[in-house]
Amino acid sequence: MNRKPVTPVLAADGFVRDAAGRLLLIRRKNPPYQGGWALPGGFIDVGEDPRDGCVREMKEETGLDVEVVSLAGFYGKPDRDPRGHTCSVVYFCRILGGEALGGDDAEEARWFTPDELERTELAFDHRDIVDELLPKAP
């Protein structure tokens, strides 16, 4: 009997800063953490390369055209998402064009200075991710 394995769900998030060093976050439109701030990203479609999924999610949620520069990190604590075990691959991205506006699952897209980030509560485990990656970000 062939059974499909039960595995965590895969997501991809984009970590992008502007020329002034501000980090782009989105305000979530839907639960969980509705109204909270998070890195832009979302679930990977079956058959989709996670890098392509990151580019797609960035466009859908922020209006920005980006390219993936490099792998930033991989996060998969079983309790990081209240909907179930979700692993997220995070990519450093570079802006190619567009204007940061909320769309799809994002009410708003906004640039945050490092000082603003320190005072902002983030959804999921994104505080840990931002604290780890901000000093390494291109």
N, C-alpha and C. Protein backbone atom coordinates (compact mmCIF):
# COMPACT_ATOMS: atom_id res chain seq x y z
N MET A 1 0.84 -1.18 0.00
CA MET A 1 0.00 0.00 0.00
C MET A 1 0.89 1.24 0.00
N ASN A 2 0.75 2.07 -1.03
CA ASN A 2 1.51 3.31 -1.11
C ASN A 2 0.74 4.43 -0.43
N ARG A 3 1.40 5.05 0.54
CA ARG A 3 0.78 6.17 1.23
C ARG A 3 1.63 7.41 1.02
N LYS A 4 0.95 8.49 0.82
CA LYS A 4 1.64 9.76 0.68
C LYS A 4 2.16 10.17 2.06
N PRO A 5 3.43 10.57 2.17
CA PRO A 5 3.94 10.97 3.48
C PRO A 5 3.27 12.25 3.96
N VAL A 6 3.13 12.36 5.26
CA VAL A 6 2.61 13.57 5.88
C VAL A 6 3.82 14.42 6.24
N THR A 7 3.88 15.60 5.67
CA THR A 7 5.02 16.48 5.88
C THR A 7 4.55 17.89 6.20
N PRO A 8 5.45 18.74 6.72
CA PRO A 8 5.08 20.14 6.95
C PRO A 8 4.76 20.84 5.63
N VAL A 9 4.02 21.92 5.72
CA VAL A 9 3.71 22.78 4.58
C VAL A 9 4.91 23.70 4.36
N LEU A 10 5.19 24.03 3.09
CA LEU A 10 6.33 24.88 2.76
C LEU A 10 5.88 26.27 2.35
N ALA A 11 6.55 27.26 2.90
CA ALA A 11 6.31 28.66 2.55
C ALA A 11 7.63 29.31 2.16
N ALA A 12 7.55 30.44 1.46
CA ALA A 12 8.74 31.24 1.13
C ALA A 12 8.45 32.70 1.47
N ASP A 13 9.42 33.33 2.09
CA ASP A 13 9.31 34.73 2.49
C ASP A 13 10.45 35.53 1.88
N GLY A 14 10.18 36.80 1.58
CA GLY A 14 11.19 37.69 1.03
C GLY A 14 11.68 38.67 2.07
N PHE A 15 12.98 38.87 2.09
CA PHE A 15 13.63 39.81 2.99
C PHE A 15 14.27 40.86 2.10
N VAL A 16 13.66 42.04 2.04
CA VAL A 16 14.14 43.06 1.11
C VAL A 16 14.26 44.40 1.83
N ARG A 17 15.39 45.06 1.58
CA ARG A 17 15.62 46.40 2.13
C ARG A 17 15.76 47.38 0.98
N ASP A 18 15.40 48.64 1.25
CA ASP A 18 15.55 49.67 0.23
C ASP A 18 16.92 50.33 0.37
N ALA A 19 17.20 51.31 -0.48
CA ALA A 19 18.50 51.98 -0.49
C ALA A 19 18.81 52.66 0.85
N ALA A 20 17.78 53.02 1.59
CA ALA A 20 17.97 53.67 2.89
C ALA A 20 18.15 52.66 4.02
N GLY A 21 18.10 51.36 3.71
CA GLY A 21 18.28 50.32 4.73
C GLY A 21 17.02 49.93 5.47
N ARG A 22 15.88 50.42 5.00
CA ARG A 22 14.61 50.05 5.65
C ARG A 22 14.17 48.67 5.17
N LEU A 23 13.47 47.94 6.04
CA LEU A 23 12.98 46.61 5.73
C LEU A 23 11.50 46.67 5.37
N LEU A 24 11.11 45.92 4.34
CA LEU A 24 9.72 45.88 3.92
C LEU A 24 8.95 44.82 4.70
N LEU A 25 7.84 45.24 5.30
CA LEU A 25 6.91 44.34 5.97
C LEU A 25 5.52 44.55 5.40
N ILE A 26 4.67 43.55 5.60
CA ILE A 26 3.26 43.68 5.21
C ILE A 26 2.38 43.55 6.45
N ARG A 27 1.22 44.23 6.41
CA ARG A 27 0.20 44.06 7.45
C ARG A 27 -0.75 42.97 6.95
N ARG A 28 -0.89 41.91 7.74
CA ARG A 28 -1.68 40.75 7.33
C ARG A 28 -3.17 41.07 7.27
N LYS A 29 -3.79 40.65 6.18
CA LYS A 29 -5.22 40.87 5.97
C LYS A 29 -6.07 39.79 6.63
N ASN A 30 -5.50 38.59 6.78
CA ASN A 30 -6.26 37.43 7.24
C ASN A 30 -5.63 36.78 8.46
N PRO A 31 -6.44 36.01 9.20
CA PRO A 31 -5.89 35.23 10.31
C PRO A 31 -4.94 34.16 9.77
N PRO A 32 -4.01 33.69 10.54
CA PRO A 32 -3.71 34.15 11.90
C PRO A 32 -2.93 35.47 11.88
N TYR A 33 -2.92 36.11 13.00
CA TYR A 33 -2.23 37.39 13.16
C TYR A 33 -2.79 38.48 12.26
N GLN A 34 -4.08 38.43 12.00
CA GLN A 34 -4.73 39.45 11.18
C GLN A 34 -4.42 40.84 11.75
N GLY A 35 -3.98 41.75 10.89
CA GLY A 35 -3.61 43.10 11.31
C GLY A 35 -2.18 43.23 11.81
N GLY A 36 -1.50 42.09 11.97
CA GLY A 36 -0.11 42.12 12.44
C GLY A 36 0.87 42.30 11.30
N TRP A 37 2.08 42.66 11.65
CA TRP A 37 3.14 42.88 10.67
C TRP A 37 3.96 41.62 10.49
N ALA A 38 4.36 41.36 9.24
CA ALA A 38 5.11 40.14 8.92
C ALA A 38 5.97 40.38 7.68
N LEU A 39 6.93 39.50 7.50
CA LEU A 39 7.67 39.48 6.24
C LEU A 39 6.72 39.09 5.13
N PRO A 40 6.84 39.65 3.94
CA PRO A 40 5.98 39.24 2.84
C PRO A 40 6.34 37.83 2.38
N GLY A 41 5.32 37.04 2.10
CA GLY A 41 5.54 35.68 1.63
C GLY A 41 4.28 34.86 1.72
N GLY A 42 4.43 33.58 1.47
CA GLY A 42 3.27 32.70 1.53
C GLY A 42 3.62 31.30 1.10
N PHE A 43 2.58 30.50 0.96
CA PHE A 43 2.74 29.08 0.66
C PHE A 43 3.20 28.86 -0.77
N ILE A 44 4.04 27.85 -0.93
CA ILE A 44 4.53 27.43 -2.24
C ILE A 44 3.49 26.53 -2.87
N ASP A 45 3.24 26.73 -4.15
CA ASP A 45 2.30 25.86 -4.88
C ASP A 45 2.99 24.54 -5.23
N VAL A 46 2.20 23.48 -5.33
CA VAL A 46 2.73 22.19 -5.76
C VAL A 46 3.33 22.36 -7.15
N GLY A 47 4.55 21.88 -7.34
CA GLY A 47 5.23 21.99 -8.62
C GLY A 47 5.99 23.29 -8.80
N GLU A 48 5.97 24.17 -7.82
CA GLU A 48 6.62 25.48 -7.93
C GLU A 48 7.96 25.46 -7.19
N ASP A 49 8.97 26.01 -7.83
CA ASP A 49 10.27 26.19 -7.18
C ASP A 49 10.10 27.23 -6.08
N PRO A 50 10.63 27.00 -4.86
CA PRO A 50 10.47 27.98 -3.79
C PRO A 50 10.99 29.37 -4.14
N ARG A 51 12.05 29.47 -4.94
CA ARG A 51 12.56 30.78 -5.35
C ARG A 51 11.51 31.50 -6.20
N ASP A 52 10.88 30.78 -7.12
CA ASP A 52 9.83 31.36 -7.95
C ASP A 52 8.62 31.74 -7.09
N GLY A 53 8.32 30.91 -6.10
CA GLY A 53 7.22 31.21 -5.19
C GLY A 53 7.47 32.47 -4.39
N CYS A 54 8.69 32.69 -3.99
CA CYS A 54 9.05 33.91 -3.27
C CYS A 54 8.83 35.13 -4.16
N VAL A 55 9.30 35.07 -5.39
CA VAL A 55 9.13 36.18 -6.34
C VAL A 55 7.64 36.43 -6.57
N ARG A 56 6.86 35.36 -6.75
CA ARG A 56 5.41 35.49 -6.97
C ARG A 56 4.73 36.13 -5.76
N GLU A 57 5.03 35.61 -4.56
CA GLU A 57 4.40 36.15 -3.35
C GLU A 57 4.78 37.60 -3.11
N MET A 58 6.01 37.97 -3.39
CA MET A 58 6.42 39.36 -3.23
C MET A 58 5.61 40.27 -4.16
N LYS A 59 5.42 39.84 -5.39
CA LYS A 59 4.62 40.63 -6.34
C LYS A 59 3.17 40.73 -5.88
N GLU A 60 2.59 39.58 -5.48
CA GLU A 60 1.18 39.57 -5.07
C GLU A 60 0.95 40.42 -3.83
N GLU A 61 1.84 40.35 -2.85
CA GLU A 61 1.59 41.01 -1.57
C GLU A 61 2.11 42.44 -1.49
N THR A 62 3.13 42.77 -2.30
CA THR A 62 3.74 44.09 -2.17
C THR A 62 3.72 44.93 -3.44
N GLY A 63 3.43 44.31 -4.59
CA GLY A 63 3.48 45.03 -5.84
C GLY A 63 4.89 45.20 -6.41
N LEU A 64 5.88 44.69 -5.71
CA LEU A 64 7.26 44.84 -6.16
C LEU A 64 7.71 43.67 -7.02
N ASP A 65 8.45 43.98 -8.04
CA ASP A 65 9.16 42.96 -8.82
C ASP A 65 10.52 42.80 -8.15
N VAL A 66 10.85 41.57 -7.78
CA VAL A 66 12.12 41.32 -7.11
C VAL A 66 12.83 40.16 -7.78
N GLU A 67 14.11 40.05 -7.49
CA GLU A 67 14.85 38.85 -7.84
C GLU A 67 15.47 38.32 -6.55
N VAL A 68 15.57 37.02 -6.48
CA VAL A 68 16.20 36.38 -5.33
C VAL A 68 17.70 36.55 -5.48
N VAL A 69 18.33 37.04 -4.41
CA VAL A 69 19.78 37.23 -4.40
C VAL A 69 20.46 35.99 -3.81
N SER A 70 19.94 35.54 -2.66
CA SER A 70 20.54 34.39 -2.00
C SER A 70 19.59 33.85 -0.93
N LEU A 71 19.89 32.65 -0.51
CA LEU A 71 19.16 32.03 0.60
C LEU A 71 19.56 32.76 1.88
N ALA A 72 18.58 33.19 2.65
CA ALA A 72 18.84 33.89 3.90
C ALA A 72 18.76 32.94 5.09
N GLY A 73 17.79 32.01 5.05
CA GLY A 73 17.63 31.07 6.16
C GLY A 73 16.45 30.16 5.95
N PHE A 74 16.38 29.14 6.79
CA PHE A 74 15.29 28.17 6.74
C PHE A 74 14.80 27.98 8.16
N TYR A 75 13.47 28.08 8.35
CA TYR A 75 12.88 28.07 9.68
C TYR A 75 11.74 27.06 9.72
N GLY A 76 11.72 26.21 10.74
CA GLY A 76 10.73 25.15 10.75
C GLY A 76 10.29 24.65 12.10
N LYS A 77 10.37 25.47 13.14
CA LYS A 77 9.88 25.01 14.45
C LYS A 77 8.42 24.60 14.30
N PRO A 78 8.06 23.45 14.83
CA PRO A 78 6.69 22.94 14.64
C PRO A 78 5.58 23.88 15.11
N ASP A 79 5.86 24.76 16.07
CA ASP A 79 4.81 25.64 16.61
C ASP A 79 4.88 27.07 16.08
N ARG A 80 5.61 27.30 14.98
CA ARG A 80 5.79 28.67 14.49
C ARG A 80 4.54 29.23 13.81
N ASP A 81 3.61 28.36 13.41
CA ASP A 81 2.38 28.79 12.75
C ASP A 81 1.22 28.06 13.41
N PRO A 82 0.23 28.80 13.93
CA PRO A 82 -0.89 28.13 14.61
C PRO A 82 -1.75 27.27 13.69
N ARG A 83 -1.60 27.40 12.38
CA ARG A 83 -2.39 26.59 11.45
C ARG A 83 -1.82 25.18 11.29
N GLY A 84 -0.60 24.98 11.76
CA GLY A 84 0.04 23.68 11.63
C GLY A 84 1.52 23.84 11.33
N HIS A 85 2.20 22.70 11.30
CA HIS A 85 3.65 22.73 11.08
C HIS A 85 3.97 23.28 9.69
N THR A 86 4.61 24.43 9.68
CA THR A 86 4.97 25.12 8.45
C THR A 86 6.46 25.44 8.48
N CYS A 87 7.15 25.10 7.42
CA CYS A 87 8.55 25.48 7.25
C CYS A 87 8.62 26.62 6.25
N SER A 88 9.53 27.55 6.51
CA SER A 88 9.65 28.69 5.62
C SER A 88 11.10 28.88 5.20
N VAL A 89 11.29 28.99 3.90
CA VAL A 89 12.58 29.35 3.35
C VAL A 89 12.54 30.86 3.11
N VAL A 90 13.54 31.56 3.64
CA VAL A 90 13.58 33.02 3.52
C VAL A 90 14.73 33.38 2.58
N TYR A 91 14.43 34.26 1.63
CA TYR A 91 15.41 34.69 0.65
C TYR A 91 15.69 36.18 0.77
N PHE A 92 16.97 36.55 0.65
CA PHE A 92 17.31 37.95 0.46
C PHE A 92 16.94 38.29 -0.98
N CYS A 93 16.23 39.40 -1.16
CA CYS A 93 15.75 39.80 -2.48
C CYS A 93 16.23 41.21 -2.82
N ARG A 94 16.31 41.47 -4.12
CA ARG A 94 16.66 42.80 -4.64
C ARG A 94 15.46 43.31 -5.45
N ILE A 95 15.16 44.57 -5.28
CA ILE A 95 14.04 45.20 -5.99
C ILE A 95 14.44 45.47 -7.44
N LEU A 96 13.57 45.06 -8.36
CA LEU A 96 13.77 45.35 -9.78
C LEU A 96 12.87 46.48 -10.25
N GLY A 97 11.72 46.64 -9.58
CA GLY A 97 10.78 47.69 -9.97
C GLY A 97 9.50 47.59 -9.19
N GLY A 98 8.63 48.53 -9.44
CA GLY A 98 7.34 48.56 -8.77
C GLY A 98 7.33 49.51 -7.59
N GLU A 99 6.15 49.60 -6.99
CA GLU A 99 5.95 50.45 -5.82
C GLU A 99 5.35 49.61 -4.71
N ALA A 100 5.85 49.76 -3.50
CA ALA A 100 5.39 48.95 -2.37
C ALA A 100 3.97 49.35 -1.97
N LEU A 101 3.03 48.47 -2.30
CA LEU A 101 1.61 48.64 -1.96
C LEU A 101 1.07 47.29 -1.51
N GLY A 102 0.20 47.29 -0.54
CA GLY A 102 -0.41 46.03 -0.11
C GLY A 102 -1.31 45.45 -1.19
N GLY A 103 -1.34 44.14 -1.28
CA GLY A 103 -2.21 43.45 -2.23
C GLY A 103 -2.41 42.01 -1.81
N ASP A 104 -3.35 41.33 -2.41
CA ASP A 104 -3.63 39.92 -2.13
C ASP A 104 -3.93 39.73 -0.64
N ASP A 105 -3.05 39.06 0.09
CA ASP A 105 -3.27 38.78 1.52
C ASP A 105 -2.73 39.88 2.42
N ALA A 106 -2.29 40.99 1.85
CA ALA A 106 -1.68 42.07 2.63
C ALA A 106 -2.55 43.32 2.55
N GLU A 107 -2.93 43.84 3.72
CA GLU A 107 -3.67 45.11 3.77
C GLU A 107 -2.79 46.27 3.36
N GLU A 108 -1.50 46.16 3.68
CA GLU A 108 -0.58 47.29 3.50
C GLU A 108 0.83 46.73 3.39
N ALA A 109 1.67 47.41 2.65
CA ALA A 109 3.11 47.13 2.62
C ALA A 109 3.80 48.42 3.03
N ARG A 110 4.76 48.31 3.94
CA ARG A 110 5.38 49.51 4.48
C ARG A 110 6.85 49.26 4.80
N TRP A 111 7.67 50.28 4.60
CA TRP A 111 9.09 50.23 4.92
C TRP A 111 9.30 50.64 6.37
N PHE A 112 10.13 49.89 7.08
CA PHE A 112 10.42 50.13 8.49
C PHE A 112 11.90 50.41 8.68
N THR A 113 12.22 51.48 9.40
CA THR A 113 13.60 51.75 9.79
C THR A 113 13.99 50.75 10.88
N PRO A 114 15.28 50.57 11.12
CA PRO A 114 15.69 49.68 12.22
C PRO A 114 15.08 50.09 13.56
N ASP A 115 15.00 51.38 13.84
CA ASP A 115 14.39 51.84 15.10
C ASP A 115 12.91 51.47 15.17
N GLU A 116 12.18 51.65 14.07
CA GLU A 116 10.76 51.29 14.04
C GLU A 116 10.59 49.78 14.21
N LEU A 117 11.48 49.00 13.60
CA LEU A 117 11.41 47.54 13.72
C LEU A 117 11.51 47.10 15.17
N GLU A 118 12.39 47.73 15.92
CA GLU A 118 12.59 47.36 17.33
C GLU A 118 11.31 47.53 18.15
N ARG A 119 10.49 48.50 17.76
CA ARG A 119 9.27 48.80 18.51
C ARG A 119 8.03 48.12 17.95
N THR A 120 8.19 47.31 16.90
CA THR A 120 7.05 46.71 16.21
C THR A 120 6.95 45.23 16.53
N GLU A 121 5.76 44.82 16.96
CA GLU A 121 5.51 43.39 17.20
C GLU A 121 5.30 42.71 15.85
N LEU A 122 5.92 41.55 15.68
CA LEU A 122 5.84 40.83 14.42
C LEU A 122 5.12 39.50 14.59
N ALA A 123 4.44 39.07 13.53
CA ALA A 123 3.67 37.82 13.53
C ALA A 123 4.62 36.61 13.44
N PHE A 124 4.04 35.46 13.75
CA PHE A 124 4.75 34.18 13.67
C PHE A 124 6.06 34.27 14.47
N ASP A 125 7.13 33.75 13.90
CA ASP A 125 8.47 33.86 14.51
C ASP A 125 9.31 34.90 13.78
N HIS A 126 8.64 35.85 13.15
CA HIS A 126 9.36 36.80 12.32
C HIS A 126 10.25 37.75 13.10
N ARG A 127 9.99 37.96 14.39
CA ARG A 127 10.90 38.77 15.22
C ARG A 127 12.26 38.07 15.27
N ASP A 128 12.26 36.76 15.53
CA ASP A 128 13.52 36.01 15.59
C ASP A 128 14.24 36.06 14.24
N ILE A 129 13.48 35.91 13.16
CA ILE A 129 14.07 35.93 11.82
C ILE A 129 14.68 37.30 11.52
N VAL A 130 13.93 38.35 11.78
CA VAL A 130 14.43 39.71 11.51
C VAL A 130 15.68 39.99 12.34
N ASP A 131 15.65 39.63 13.62
CA ASP A 131 16.81 39.88 14.49
C ASP A 131 18.04 39.12 14.00
N GLU A 132 17.83 37.93 13.47
CA GLU A 132 18.95 37.13 12.96
C GLU A 132 19.47 37.66 11.62
N LEU A 133 18.56 38.04 10.73
CA LEU A 133 18.97 38.37 9.36
C LEU A 133 19.32 39.82 9.11
N LEU A 134 18.75 40.73 9.86
CA LEU A 134 18.99 42.16 9.59
C LEU A 134 20.48 42.51 9.55
N PRO A 135 21.29 42.02 10.49
CA PRO A 135 22.72 42.37 10.42
C PRO A 135 23.44 41.75 9.21
N LYS A 136 22.88 40.70 8.62
CA LYS A 136 23.51 40.00 7.50
C LYS A 136 22.98 40.45 6.14
N ALA A 137 21.88 41.19 6.14
CA ALA A 137 21.18 41.51 4.90
C ALA A 137 22.02 42.40 4.00
N PRO A 138 21.97 42.12 2.70
CA PRO A 138 22.70 42.97 1.74
C PRO A 138 22.10 44.35 1.64
